[in-house]
Amino acid sequence: MDPIGSRPARLYAGFLSLVIGLAVLAGCAGPRPGAAPLFSRPDVYRSEERILHRLKPGETPEMLAEKYLGEGQLAWMVEDANPKGAFQPEQFIVVPLVIPNRAGITAEGYQTVPILCYHRFAPSCDSPLCMPADVFERQLRYLKENGYRVIGPEALAAFLDYRQPIPKNAVMISVDDGYRSVYNVAYPILKKYGFTATLFIYLDYVGVSSKAITWDQLRELKQNGFYIGSHSVAHSDLSKQKKNEDGEAYLARLKKEIFRSKQVIDAKLGQDTLIFSYPFGRRNQTVVSLARQAGYKIAVTVDRGSNPFFADPFLLKRDQILKRDMNRFASRLKTFNYYPLK
């Protein structure tokens, strides 16, 4: 079972031979000077499985995905179905219509999605939770040069729900807490490489000081493709009661941290927030259940590892990127688990 994108040259060549055959048929008689052509070559050929579209100047894979697949974020499907260099005006581009492998399963194993976790950024750092700007840029350059594609929580949720495939080398970048450095330092670097990130904010920190991100900055990031998720209200440990809490007070705190944070982010940013990050990665059965009840679709921990389509959507793993050597970083990018069926 081949995933989409594994046979682009063969698909492209097959459709191209069809076009050439039709063109030859049209021109073999040689129209008389001044006469109308016997055959006008269409700009679009369509079958049940794919479309062949003659590219017009200015058209992009995103535009074709929006036109034929209904969503510009599926541009990677168009890109993977065609050989490099195909996107030139007047060239025919293959647009796949059939999704044969939503789960990324092959005879060799199955696809997994790494989620990278950062906190704050600076030109130079004195804490493991801080990532130096130059190191972060080297990491993003590595992702770009090695063909990784960054996805957001919507695409991840659709993959986990077996509704939609994702790119073969899909990775998600997440940043916790809401430090302003994600706007001042990380954002320009991400933009340089064409990547976005998922930000997890806790309400009590937004806008409280010059080190905290503001709602206006969050709105700008959202407009530029970033996703804003919830990291609770006060970033307290949700997995256990405080010393001065009885069971009733503990449950009330959990509901405030989980429900209230979603309600405020929804109202401030005009969205239905679908992802929650457990503070410190800590949770228990009650916390997970309340996250579901609050209306989130997925939630993340800081347990190490990558996520296949059959992962529990409320116990997703993330790797905290704390070390600065590139070999360790590359080891966190596991996008396929080899598990041969024979």
C-alpha atoms as a PDB file:
ATOM      1  CA  MET A   1       0.000   0.000   0.000  1.00  0.00           C
ATOM      2  CA  ASP A   2       1.851   3.089  -1.216  1.00  0.00           C
ATOM      3  CA  PRO A   3       1.159   6.427   0.515  1.00  0.00           C
ATOM      4  CA  ILE A   4       0.364   9.442  -1.614  1.00  0.00           C
ATOM      5  CA  GLY A   5       3.564  10.924  -2.984  1.00  0.00           C
ATOM      6  CA  SER A   6       5.527   7.663  -3.264  1.00  0.00           C
ATOM      7  CA  ARG A   7       4.851   7.358  -7.016  1.00  0.00           C
ATOM      8  CA  PRO A   8       4.799  10.953  -8.330  1.00  0.00           C
ATOM      9  CA  ALA A   9       6.991  10.338 -11.361  1.00  0.00           C
ATOM     10  CA  ARG A  10       4.897   7.361 -12.511  1.00  0.00           C
ATOM     11  CA  LEU A  11       1.595   9.203 -12.034  1.00  0.00           C
ATOM     12  CA  TYR A  12       2.940  12.277 -13.767  1.00  0.00           C
ATOM     13  CA  ALA A  13       4.376  10.313 -16.681  1.00  0.00           C
ATOM     14  CA  GLY A  14       1.123   8.389 -17.206  1.00  0.00           C
ATOM     15  CA  PHE A  15      -0.970  11.515 -17.429  1.00  0.00           C
ATOM     16  CA  LEU A  16       1.612  13.296 -19.527  1.00  0.00           C
ATOM     17  CA  SER A  17       1.537  10.504 -22.089  1.00  0.00           C
ATOM     18  CA  LEU A  18      -2.260  10.904 -22.246  1.00  0.00           C
ATOM     19  CA  VAL A  19      -1.898  14.612 -22.972  1.00  0.00           C
ATOM     20  CA  ILE A  20       0.758  14.006 -25.611  1.00  0.00           C
ATOM     21  CA  GLY A  21      -1.449  11.415 -27.305  1.00  0.00           C
ATOM     22  CA  LEU A  22      -4.359  13.812 -27.461  1.00  0.00           C
ATOM     23  CA  ALA A  23      -2.139  16.589 -28.778  1.00  0.00           C
ATOM     24  CA  VAL A  24      -0.767  14.334 -31.514  1.00  0.00           C
ATOM     25  CA  LEU A  25      -4.295  13.309 -32.465  1.00  0.00           C
ATOM     26  CA  ALA A  26      -5.276  16.954 -32.667  1.00  0.00           C
ATOM     27  CA  GLY A  27      -2.379  17.992 -34.865  1.00  0.00           C
ATOM     28  CA  CYS A  28      -1.882  15.016 -37.168  1.00  0.00           C
ATOM     29  CA  ALA A  29      -4.198  16.383 -39.871  1.00  0.00           C
ATOM     30  CA  GLY A  30      -2.515  19.808 -39.924  1.00  0.00           C
ATOM     31  CA  PRO A  31      -5.203  22.520 -40.104  1.00  0.00           C
ATOM     32  CA  ARG A  32      -5.332  24.746 -43.198  1.00  0.00           C
ATOM     33  CA  PRO A  33      -4.012  28.313 -42.783  1.00  0.00           C
ATOM     34  CA  GLY A  34      -6.725  30.460 -41.253  1.00  0.00           C
ATOM     35  CA  ALA A  35      -8.928  27.475 -40.388  1.00  0.00           C
ATOM     36  CA  ALA A  36     -10.126  26.749 -36.844  1.00  0.00           C
ATOM     37  CA  PRO A  37      -8.199  23.905 -35.140  1.00  0.00           C
ATOM     38  CA  LEU A  38      -9.854  20.508 -35.318  1.00  0.00           C
ATOM     39  CA  PHE A  39      -9.175  19.891 -31.631  1.00  0.00           C
ATOM     40  CA  SER A  40      -8.772  22.345 -28.741  1.00  0.00           C
ATOM     41  CA  ARG A  41      -6.662  20.974 -25.923  1.00  0.00           C
ATOM     42  CA  PRO A  42      -8.422  21.341 -22.548  1.00  0.00           C
ATOM     43  CA  ASP A  43      -6.708  22.876 -19.547  1.00  0.00           C
ATOM     44  CA  VAL A  44      -8.072  20.173 -17.236  1.00  0.00           C
ATOM     45  CA  TYR A  45      -8.362  16.395 -17.556  1.00  0.00           C
ATOM     46  CA  ARG A  46     -10.275  14.558 -14.861  1.00  0.00           C
ATOM     47  CA  SER A  47     -10.712  10.959 -13.734  1.00  0.00           C
ATOM     48  CA  GLU A  48     -12.201   9.509 -10.563  1.00  0.00           C
ATOM     49  CA  GLU A  49      -8.758   9.293  -8.962  1.00  0.00           C
ATOM     50  CA  ARG A  50      -6.949  12.442 -10.087  1.00  0.00           C
ATOM     51  CA  ILE A  51      -6.995  15.666 -12.077  1.00  0.00           C
ATOM     52  CA  LEU A  52      -4.445  16.891 -14.589  1.00  0.00           C
ATOM     53  CA  HIS A  53      -4.358  20.695 -14.537  1.00  0.00           C
ATOM     54  CA  ARG A  54      -2.400  22.895 -16.931  1.00  0.00           C
ATOM     55  CA  LEU A  55      -0.665  25.442 -14.719  1.00  0.00           C
ATOM     56  CA  LYS A  56      -1.325  29.110 -15.392  1.00  0.00           C
ATOM     57  CA  PRO A  57       1.138  31.887 -14.513  1.00  0.00           C
ATOM     58  CA  GLY A  58       0.925  32.733 -10.833  1.00  0.00           C
ATOM     59  CA  GLU A  59      -0.864  29.543  -9.783  1.00  0.00           C
ATOM     60  CA  THR A  60       0.578  27.771  -6.745  1.00  0.00           C
ATOM     61  CA  PRO A  61       0.077  24.332  -5.162  1.00  0.00           C
ATOM     62  CA  GLU A  62      -1.944  26.059  -2.431  1.00  0.00           C
ATOM     63  CA  MET A  63      -4.307  27.510  -5.029  1.00  0.00           C
ATOM     64  CA  LEU A  64      -4.765  24.134  -6.723  1.00  0.00           C
ATOM     65  CA  ALA A  65      -5.401  22.435  -3.369  1.00  0.00           C
ATOM     66  CA  GLU A  66      -7.987  25.070  -2.493  1.00  0.00           C
ATOM     67  CA  LYS A  67      -9.687  24.736  -5.886  1.00  0.00           C
ATOM     68  CA  TYR A  68      -9.794  20.950  -6.203  1.00  0.00           C
ATOM     69  CA  LEU A  69      -9.383  19.624  -2.639  1.00  0.00           C
ATOM     70  CA  GLY A  70     -11.210  22.379  -0.775  1.00  0.00           C
ATOM     71  CA  GLU A  71      -8.315  23.266   1.515  1.00  0.00           C
ATOM     72  CA  GLY A  72      -5.094  25.119   0.773  1.00  0.00           C
ATOM     73  CA  GLN A  73      -3.283  23.304   3.600  1.00  0.00           C
ATOM     74  CA  LEU A  74      -3.412  20.155   1.467  1.00  0.00           C
ATOM     75  CA  ALA A  75      -0.938  21.703  -0.977  1.00  0.00           C
ATOM     76  CA  TRP A  76       1.614  19.107   0.122  1.00  0.00           C
ATOM     77  CA  MET A  77      -0.523  16.419  -1.562  1.00  0.00           C
ATOM     78  CA  VAL A  78      -0.231  18.284  -4.863  1.00  0.00           C
ATOM     79  CA  GLU A  79       3.502  18.828  -4.375  1.00  0.00           C
ATOM     80  CA  ASP A  80       4.183  15.189  -3.518  1.00  0.00           C
ATOM     81  CA  ALA A  81       2.246  13.919  -6.545  1.00  0.00           C
ATOM     82  CA  ASN A  82       4.542  15.738  -8.984  1.00  0.00           C
ATOM     83  CA  PRO A  83       8.290  15.623  -9.696  1.00  0.00           C
ATOM     84  CA  LYS A  84      10.536  18.499  -8.749  1.00  0.00           C
ATOM     85  CA  GLY A  85      10.511  21.266 -11.332  1.00  0.00           C
ATOM     86  CA  ALA A  86       6.997  20.466 -12.566  1.00  0.00           C
ATOM     87  CA  PHE A  87       5.436  23.703 -11.336  1.00  0.00           C
ATOM     88  CA  GLN A  88       6.081  25.836 -14.400  1.00  0.00           C
ATOM     89  CA  PRO A  89       3.459  27.714 -16.489  1.00  0.00           C
ATOM     90  CA  GLU A  90       1.836  25.548 -19.184  1.00  0.00           C
ATOM     91  CA  GLN A  91       3.040  22.338 -17.490  1.00  0.00           C
ATOM     92  CA  PHE A  92       0.401  19.785 -16.467  1.00  0.00           C
ATOM     93  CA  ILE A  93       0.153  19.181 -12.730  1.00  0.00           C
ATOM     94  CA  VAL A  94      -1.328  16.063 -11.118  1.00  0.00           C
ATOM     95  CA  VAL A  95      -3.875  16.699  -8.337  1.00  0.00           C
ATOM     96  CA  PRO A  96      -4.751  13.447  -6.492  1.00  0.00           C
ATOM     97  CA  LEU A  97      -8.420  13.078  -5.538  1.00  0.00           C
ATOM     98  CA  VAL A  98      -8.310   9.707  -3.793  1.00  0.00           C
ATOM     99  CA  ILE A  99      -6.733   9.314  -0.352  1.00  0.00           C
ATOM    100  CA  PRO A 100      -5.520   5.701  -0.172  1.00  0.00           C
ATOM    101  CA  ASN A 101      -3.589   5.805   3.117  1.00  0.00           C
ATOM    102  CA  ARG A 102      -4.885   8.136   5.809  1.00  0.00           C
ATOM    103  CA  ALA A 103      -2.959   6.351   8.560  1.00  0.00           C
ATOM    104  CA  GLY A 104       0.475   6.225   6.918  1.00  0.00           C
ATOM    105  CA  ILE A 105       0.686   2.434   7.172  1.00  0.00           C
ATOM    106  CA  THR A 106       2.937   0.440   4.856  1.00  0.00           C
ATOM    107  CA  ALA A 107       4.302  -3.114   4.808  1.00  0.00           C
ATOM    108  CA  GLU A 108       7.417  -1.758   6.562  1.00  0.00           C
ATOM    109  CA  GLY A 109       5.680  -0.007   9.460  1.00  0.00           C
ATOM    110  CA  TYR A 110       3.646   3.098  10.227  1.00  0.00           C
ATOM    111  CA  GLN A 111       3.964   6.871  10.298  1.00  0.00           C
ATOM    112  CA  THR A 112       4.489   8.758  13.560  1.00  0.00           C
ATOM    113  CA  VAL A 113       4.370  12.477  14.338  1.00  0.00           C
ATOM    114  CA  PRO A 114       7.013  14.075  16.588  1.00  0.00           C
ATOM    115  CA  ILE A 115       5.923  17.147  18.545  1.00  0.00           C
ATOM    116  CA  LEU A 116       8.816  19.398  19.572  1.00  0.00           C
ATOM    117  CA  CYS A 117       8.412  21.432  22.756  1.00  0.00           C
ATOM    118  CA  TYR A 118      10.142  24.762  23.436  1.00  0.00           C
ATOM    119  CA  HIS A 119       9.619  27.444  26.085  1.00  0.00           C
ATOM    120  CA  ARG A 120      11.562  30.660  25.569  1.00  0.00           C
ATOM    121  CA  PHE A 121      14.243  32.036  23.256  1.00  0.00           C
ATOM    122  CA  ALA A 122      17.093  34.551  23.545  1.00  0.00           C
ATOM    123  CA  PRO A 123      20.301  35.602  21.766  1.00  0.00           C
ATOM    124  CA  SER A 124      22.156  33.791  24.554  1.00  0.00           C
ATOM    125  CA  CYS A 125      20.751  31.612  27.328  1.00  0.00           C
ATOM    126  CA  ASP A 126      21.554  30.605  30.894  1.00  0.00           C
ATOM    127  CA  SER A 127      18.718  28.111  31.429  1.00  0.00           C
ATOM    128  CA  PRO A 128      17.893  24.683  29.919  1.00  0.00           C
ATOM    129  CA  LEU A 129      14.378  25.967  29.126  1.00  0.00           C
ATOM    130  CA  CYS A 130      15.828  28.764  26.996  1.00  0.00           C
ATOM    131  CA  MET A 131      16.855  28.092  23.378  1.00  0.00           C
ATOM    132  CA  PRO A 132      19.584  30.293  21.846  1.00  0.00           C
ATOM    133  CA  ALA A 133      18.431  31.983  18.642  1.00  0.00           C
ATOM    134  CA  ASP A 134      21.348  30.703  16.559  1.00  0.00           C
ATOM    135  CA  VAL A 135      20.754  27.115  17.657  1.00  0.00           C
ATOM    136  CA  PHE A 136      17.040  27.406  16.939  1.00  0.00           C
ATOM    137  CA  GLU A 137      17.851  28.667  13.457  1.00  0.00           C
ATOM    138  CA  ARG A 138      20.170  25.707  12.829  1.00  0.00           C
ATOM    139  CA  GLN A 139      17.373  23.366  13.898  1.00  0.00           C
ATOM    140  CA  LEU A 140      14.851  24.967  11.539  1.00  0.00           C
ATOM    141  CA  ARG A 141      17.387  24.947   8.708  1.00  0.00           C
ATOM    142  CA  TYR A 142      17.848  21.225   9.331  1.00  0.00           C
ATOM    143  CA  LEU A 143      14.073  20.681   9.098  1.00  0.00           C
ATOM    144  CA  LYS A 144      13.887  22.656   5.861  1.00  0.00           C
ATOM    145  CA  GLU A 145      16.883  21.050   4.178  1.00  0.00           C
ATOM    146  CA  ASN A 146      15.735  17.543   5.069  1.00  0.00           C
ATOM    147  CA  GLY A 147      12.196  17.870   3.754  1.00  0.00           C
ATOM    148  CA  TYR A 148      10.219  18.109   7.002  1.00  0.00           C
ATOM    149  CA  ARG A 149       6.834  19.830   6.910  1.00  0.00           C
ATOM    150  CA  VAL A 150       5.408  21.547   9.966  1.00  0.00           C
ATOM    151  CA  ILE A 151       1.734  20.883  10.697  1.00  0.00           C
ATOM    152  CA  GLY A 152      -0.714  22.360  13.191  1.00  0.00           C
ATOM    153  CA  PRO A 153      -3.163  20.754  15.617  1.00  0.00           C
ATOM    154  CA  GLU A 154      -6.038  20.743  13.097  1.00  0.00           C
ATOM    155  CA  ALA A 155      -4.095  18.499  10.718  1.00  0.00           C
ATOM    156  CA  LEU A 156      -2.854  16.357  13.601  1.00  0.00           C
ATOM    157  CA  ALA A 157      -6.384  15.904  14.966  1.00  0.00           C
ATOM    158  CA  ALA A 158      -7.657  14.875  11.517  1.00  0.00           C
ATOM    159  CA  PHE A 159      -4.820  12.344  11.197  1.00  0.00           C
ATOM    160  CA  LEU A 160      -5.547  10.850  14.632  1.00  0.00           C
ATOM    161  CA  ASP A 161      -9.241  10.672  13.736  1.00  0.00           C
ATOM    162  CA  TYR A 162      -8.409   8.842  10.478  1.00  0.00           C
ATOM    163  CA  ARG A 163     -10.019  11.608   8.428  1.00  0.00           C
ATOM    164  CA  GLN A 164      -7.044  13.027   6.559  1.00  0.00           C
ATOM    165  CA  PRO A 165      -3.448  12.061   5.741  1.00  0.00           C
ATOM    166  CA  ILE A 166      -0.496  14.266   6.615  1.00  0.00           C
ATOM    167  CA  PRO A 167       2.879  14.687   4.907  1.00  0.00           C
ATOM    168  CA  LYS A 168       5.289  11.789   5.324  1.00  0.00           C
ATOM    169  CA  ASN A 169       7.809  13.931   7.241  1.00  0.00           C
ATOM    170  CA  ALA A 170       5.275  15.848   9.325  1.00  0.00           C
ATOM    171  CA  VAL A 171       6.423  17.449  12.566  1.00  0.00           C
ATOM    172  CA  MET A 172       4.699  19.834  14.953  1.00  0.00           C
ATOM    173  CA  ILE A 173       6.505  22.694  16.717  1.00  0.00           C
ATOM    174  CA  SER A 174       5.032  23.806  20.039  1.00  0.00           C
ATOM    175  CA  VAL A 175       6.013  26.574  22.465  1.00  0.00           C
ATOM    176  CA  ASP A 176       4.730  26.634  26.044  1.00  0.00           C
ATOM    177  CA  ASP A 177       3.877  29.382  28.536  1.00  0.00           C
ATOM    178  CA  GLY A 178       3.610  32.558  26.434  1.00  0.00           C
ATOM    179  CA  TYR A 179       6.961  34.286  26.760  1.00  0.00           C
ATOM    180  CA  ARG A 180       7.251  37.324  24.520  1.00  0.00           C
ATOM    181  CA  SER A 181      10.473  35.872  23.090  1.00  0.00           C
ATOM    182  CA  VAL A 182       8.357  33.606  20.874  1.00  0.00           C
ATOM    183  CA  TYR A 183       7.207  36.799  19.151  1.00  0.00           C
ATOM    184  CA  ASN A 184      10.456  38.788  19.257  1.00  0.00           C
ATOM    185  CA  VAL A 185      12.984  36.009  18.648  1.00  0.00           C
ATOM    186  CA  ALA A 186      11.381  32.800  17.365  1.00  0.00           C
ATOM    187  CA  TYR A 187       8.737  34.278  15.057  1.00  0.00           C
ATOM    188  CA  PRO A 188      11.171  35.968  12.616  1.00  0.00           C
ATOM    189  CA  ILE A 189      13.227  32.763  12.365  1.00  0.00           C
ATOM    190  CA  LEU A 190      10.171  30.579  11.824  1.00  0.00           C
ATOM    191  CA  LYS A 191       8.923  33.014   9.177  1.00  0.00           C
ATOM    192  CA  LYS A 192      12.288  32.925   7.418  1.00  0.00           C
ATOM    193  CA  TYR A 193      11.959  29.175   6.861  1.00  0.00           C
ATOM    194  CA  GLY A 194       8.241  29.195   6.105  1.00  0.00           C
ATOM    195  CA  PHE A 195       7.229  27.460   9.340  1.00  0.00           C
ATOM    196  CA  THR A 196       4.624  28.167  11.999  1.00  0.00           C
ATOM    197  CA  ALA A 197       4.166  26.893  15.551  1.00  0.00           C
ATOM    198  CA  THR A 198       1.493  26.012  18.077  1.00  0.00           C
ATOM    199  CA  LEU A 199       1.616  28.244  21.162  1.00  0.00           C
ATOM    200  CA  PHE A 200       0.294  27.174  24.552  1.00  0.00           C
ATOM    201  CA  ILE A 201      -0.542  30.129  26.783  1.00  0.00           C
ATOM    202  CA  TYR A 202      -1.777  30.356  30.335  1.00  0.00           C
ATOM    203  CA  LEU A 203      -4.095  33.289  30.937  1.00  0.00           C
ATOM    204  CA  ASP A 204      -2.597  34.756  34.102  1.00  0.00           C
ATOM    205  CA  TYR A 205       0.700  35.413  32.302  1.00  0.00           C
ATOM    206  CA  VAL A 206      -0.517  37.073  29.082  1.00  0.00           C
ATOM    207  CA  GLY A 207       0.398  40.766  29.061  1.00  0.00           C
ATOM    208  CA  VAL A 208       1.506  40.956  32.702  1.00  0.00           C
ATOM    209  CA  SER A 209       5.039  42.205  31.990  1.00  0.00           C
ATOM    210  CA  SER A 210       7.487  43.056  29.221  1.00  0.00           C
ATOM    211  CA  LYS A 211       8.533  39.396  29.190  1.00  0.00           C
ATOM    212  CA  ALA A 212       5.006  38.131  28.441  1.00  0.00           C
ATOM    213  CA  ILE A 213       3.262  37.984  25.098  1.00  0.00           C
ATOM    214  CA  THR A 214       0.210  40.206  24.552  1.00  0.00           C
ATOM    215  CA  TRP A 215      -3.186  39.452  23.060  1.00  0.00           C
ATOM    216  CA  ASP A 216      -2.463  41.725  20.104  1.00  0.00           C
ATOM    217  CA  GLN A 217       0.743  39.805  19.384  1.00  0.00           C
ATOM    218  CA  LEU A 218      -1.161  36.528  19.632  1.00  0.00           C
ATOM    219  CA  ARG A 219      -3.741  37.829  17.158  1.00  0.00           C
ATOM    220  CA  GLU A 220      -0.972  38.771  14.735  1.00  0.00           C
ATOM    221  CA  LEU A 221       0.623  35.342  15.042  1.00  0.00           C
ATOM    222  CA  LYS A 222      -2.721  33.670  14.476  1.00  0.00           C
ATOM    223  CA  GLN A 223      -3.278  35.729  11.330  1.00  0.00           C
ATOM    224  CA  ASN A 224       0.062  34.425  10.080  1.00  0.00           C
ATOM    225  CA  GLY A 225      -0.781  30.744  10.513  1.00  0.00           C
ATOM    226  CA  PHE A 226       0.180  30.080  14.132  1.00  0.00           C
ATOM    227  CA  TYR A 227      -2.258  28.201  16.367  1.00  0.00           C
ATOM    228  CA  ILE A 228      -2.996  29.304  19.944  1.00  0.00           C
ATOM    229  CA  GLY A 229      -3.824  26.536  22.404  1.00  0.00           C
ATOM    230  CA  SER A 230      -4.595  26.476  26.121  1.00  0.00           C
ATOM    231  CA  HIS A 231      -2.061  25.880  28.888  1.00  0.00           C
ATOM    232  CA  SER A 232      -4.589  26.535  31.707  1.00  0.00           C
ATOM    233  CA  VAL A 233      -5.314  29.722  33.676  1.00  0.00           C
ATOM    234  CA  ALA A 234      -2.587  29.788  36.345  1.00  0.00           C
ATOM    235  CA  HIS A 235      -0.215  26.977  35.262  1.00  0.00           C
ATOM    236  CA  SER A 236      -0.772  24.988  38.454  1.00  0.00           C
ATOM    237  CA  ASP A 237      -0.194  21.265  38.863  1.00  0.00           C
ATOM    238  CA  LEU A 238      -3.542  19.729  37.959  1.00  0.00           C
ATOM    239  CA  SER A 239      -2.638  16.190  38.939  1.00  0.00           C
ATOM    240  CA  LYS A 240      -3.025  16.552  42.697  1.00  0.00           C
ATOM    241  CA  GLN A 241      -4.820  18.551  45.371  1.00  0.00           C
ATOM    242  CA  LYS A 242      -3.118  21.436  47.107  1.00  0.00           C
ATOM    243  CA  LYS A 243      -2.590  21.213  50.877  1.00  0.00           C
ATOM    244  CA  ASN A 244      -5.457  23.584  51.626  1.00  0.00           C
ATOM    245  CA  GLU A 245      -7.915  21.996  49.163  1.00  0.00           C
ATOM    246  CA  ASP A 246     -10.649  19.505  49.880  1.00  0.00           C
ATOM    247  CA  GLY A 247     -12.116  17.404  47.063  1.00  0.00           C
ATOM    248  CA  GLU A 248     -14.731  19.975  46.162  1.00  0.00           C
ATOM    249  CA  ALA A 249     -12.255  22.849  45.977  1.00  0.00           C
ATOM    250  CA  TYR A 250      -9.844  20.742  43.922  1.00  0.00           C
ATOM    251  CA  LEU A 251     -12.538  19.896  41.369  1.00  0.00           C
ATOM    252  CA  ALA A 252     -13.542  23.577  41.154  1.00  0.00           C
ATOM    253  CA  ARG A 253      -9.909  24.538  40.464  1.00  0.00           C
ATOM    254  CA  LEU A 254      -9.613  21.918  37.751  1.00  0.00           C
ATOM    255  CA  LYS A 255     -12.753  23.153  36.016  1.00  0.00           C
ATOM    256  CA  LYS A 256     -11.532  26.751  36.154  1.00  0.00           C
ATOM    257  CA  GLU A 257      -8.085  25.874  34.793  1.00  0.00           C
ATOM    258  CA  ILE A 258      -9.424  23.686  31.985  1.00  0.00           C
ATOM    259  CA  PHE A 259     -12.813  25.176  31.063  1.00  0.00           C
ATOM    260  CA  ARG A 260     -12.203  28.856  31.770  1.00  0.00           C
ATOM    261  CA  SER A 261      -8.945  28.993  29.811  1.00  0.00           C
ATOM    262  CA  LYS A 262     -10.694  27.650  26.709  1.00  0.00           C
ATOM    263  CA  GLN A 263     -13.611  30.045  27.059  1.00  0.00           C
ATOM    264  CA  VAL A 264     -11.361  33.119  27.302  1.00  0.00           C
ATOM    265  CA  ILE A 265      -9.094  32.104  24.403  1.00  0.00           C
ATOM    266  CA  ASP A 266     -12.156  31.314  22.281  1.00  0.00           C
ATOM    267  CA  ALA A 267     -13.589  34.765  22.975  1.00  0.00           C
ATOM    268  CA  LYS A 268     -10.340  36.714  22.601  1.00  0.00           C
ATOM    269  CA  LEU A 269      -9.242  35.039  19.360  1.00  0.00           C
ATOM    270  CA  GLY A 270     -12.574  34.079  17.794  1.00  0.00           C
ATOM    271  CA  GLN A 271     -11.901  30.347  17.628  1.00  0.00           C
ATOM    272  CA  ASP A 272     -12.926  26.983  19.012  1.00  0.00           C
ATOM    273  CA  THR A 273      -9.700  26.040  20.803  1.00  0.00           C
ATOM    274  CA  LEU A 274      -9.081  22.365  20.142  1.00  0.00           C
ATOM    275  CA  ILE A 275      -5.804  21.602  21.948  1.00  0.00           C
ATOM    276  CA  PHE A 276      -4.759  21.672  25.614  1.00  0.00           C
ATOM    277  CA  SER A 277      -1.295  21.351  27.160  1.00  0.00           C
ATOM    278  CA  TYR A 278      -1.213  19.919  30.685  1.00  0.00           C
ATOM    279  CA  PRO A 279       0.927  22.192  32.902  1.00  0.00           C
ATOM    280  CA  PHE A 280       4.230  20.401  33.599  1.00  0.00           C
ATOM    281  CA  GLY A 281       2.762  17.557  31.526  1.00  0.00           C
ATOM    282  CA  ARG A 282       1.040  16.255  34.670  1.00  0.00           C
ATOM    283  CA  ARG A 283      -2.470  14.846  34.647  1.00  0.00           C
ATOM    284  CA  ASN A 284      -4.684  12.164  36.118  1.00  0.00           C
ATOM    285  CA  GLN A 285      -7.840  10.444  34.923  1.00  0.00           C
ATOM    286  CA  THR A 286     -10.073  13.271  36.172  1.00  0.00           C
ATOM    287  CA  VAL A 287      -7.993  15.923  34.397  1.00  0.00           C
ATOM    288  CA  VAL A 288      -8.094  14.014  31.116  1.00  0.00           C
ATOM    289  CA  SER A 289     -11.850  13.487  31.429  1.00  0.00           C
ATOM    290  CA  LEU A 290     -12.451  17.188  32.092  1.00  0.00           C
ATOM    291  CA  ALA A 291     -10.329  18.158  29.088  1.00  0.00           C
ATOM    292  CA  ARG A 292     -12.636  16.038  26.926  1.00  0.00           C
ATOM    293  CA  GLN A 293     -15.739  17.553  28.539  1.00  0.00           C
ATOM    294  CA  ALA A 294     -14.425  21.087  27.995  1.00  0.00           C
ATOM    295  CA  GLY A 295     -14.473  20.528  24.235  1.00  0.00           C
ATOM    296  CA  TYR A 296     -10.807  20.046  23.418  1.00  0.00           C
ATOM    297  CA  LYS A 297     -10.084  17.448  20.724  1.00  0.00           C
ATOM    298  CA  ILE A 298      -6.484  16.641  21.631  1.00  0.00           C
ATOM    299  CA  ALA A 299      -4.088  17.272  24.533  1.00  0.00           C
ATOM    300  CA  VAL A 300      -0.335  17.018  24.956  1.00  0.00           C
ATOM    301  CA  THR A 301       2.047  15.828  27.661  1.00  0.00           C
ATOM    302  CA  VAL A 302       5.826  16.024  27.903  1.00  0.00           C
ATOM    303  CA  ASP A 303       6.267  12.252  27.766  1.00  0.00           C
ATOM    304  CA  ARG A 304       8.945  11.531  25.187  1.00  0.00           C
ATOM    305  CA  GLY A 305       8.153   9.919  21.842  1.00  0.00           C
ATOM    306  CA  SER A 306       6.241  10.303  18.584  1.00  0.00           C
ATOM    307  CA  ASN A 307       2.554   9.753  17.852  1.00  0.00           C
ATOM    308  CA  PRO A 308       0.999   7.231  15.422  1.00  0.00           C
ATOM    309  CA  PHE A 309      -2.595   7.565  14.229  1.00  0.00           C
ATOM    310  CA  PHE A 310      -3.762   5.157  16.937  1.00  0.00           C
ATOM    311  CA  ALA A 311      -2.289   7.226  19.813  1.00  0.00           C
ATOM    312  CA  ASP A 312      -4.630   8.372  22.586  1.00  0.00           C
ATOM    313  CA  PRO A 313      -5.501  11.925  21.421  1.00  0.00           C
ATOM    314  CA  PHE A 314      -5.498  13.167  25.036  1.00  0.00           C
ATOM    315  CA  LEU A 315      -2.117  11.687  25.937  1.00  0.00           C
ATOM    316  CA  LEU A 316       0.012  12.850  23.019  1.00  0.00           C
ATOM    317  CA  LYS A 317       3.761  12.719  23.512  1.00  0.00           C
ATOM    318  CA  ARG A 318       6.177  15.624  23.099  1.00  0.00           C
ATOM    319  CA  ASP A 319       9.946  15.929  23.223  1.00  0.00           C
ATOM    320  CA  GLN A 320      11.276  18.896  25.141  1.00  0.00           C
ATOM    321  CA  ILE A 321      14.171  20.351  23.157  1.00  0.00           C
ATOM    322  CA  LEU A 322      16.599  21.194  25.959  1.00  0.00           C
ATOM    323  CA  LYS A 323      19.989  20.130  24.600  1.00  0.00           C
ATOM    324  CA  ARG A 324      21.704  22.098  21.866  1.00  0.00           C
ATOM    325  CA  ASP A 325      23.599  19.521  19.802  1.00  0.00           C
ATOM    326  CA  MET A 326      22.182  18.743  16.369  1.00  0.00           C
ATOM    327  CA  ASN A 327      22.603  14.965  16.641  1.00  0.00           C
ATOM    328  CA  ARG A 328      20.297  14.883  19.655  1.00  0.00           C
ATOM    329  CA  PHE A 329      17.827  17.162  17.866  1.00  0.00           C
ATOM    330  CA  ALA A 330      17.783  14.931  14.791  1.00  0.00           C
ATOM    331  CA  SER A 331      17.147  11.885  17.001  1.00  0.00           C
ATOM    332  CA  ARG A 332      13.857  13.468  18.144  1.00  0.00           C
ATOM    333  CA  LEU A 333      12.508  13.593  14.590  1.00  0.00           C
ATOM    334  CA  LYS A 334      11.108  10.085  14.355  1.00  0.00           C
ATOM    335  CA  THR A 335       8.442  10.194  11.647  1.00  0.00           C
ATOM    336  CA  PHE A 336       8.226   6.459  10.933  1.00  0.00           C
ATOM    337  CA  ASN A 337       8.244   3.368  13.117  1.00  0.00           C
ATOM    338  CA  TYR A 338       9.656   0.345  11.307  1.00  0.00           C
ATOM    339  CA  TYR A 339       7.497  -2.638  12.129  1.00  0.00           C
ATOM    340  CA  PRO A 340       7.637  -5.044   9.151  1.00  0.00           C
ATOM    341  CA  LEU A 341       4.539  -7.161   8.557  1.00  0.00           C
ATOM    342  CA  LYS A 342       6.520 -10.007   7.040  1.00  0.00           C
END
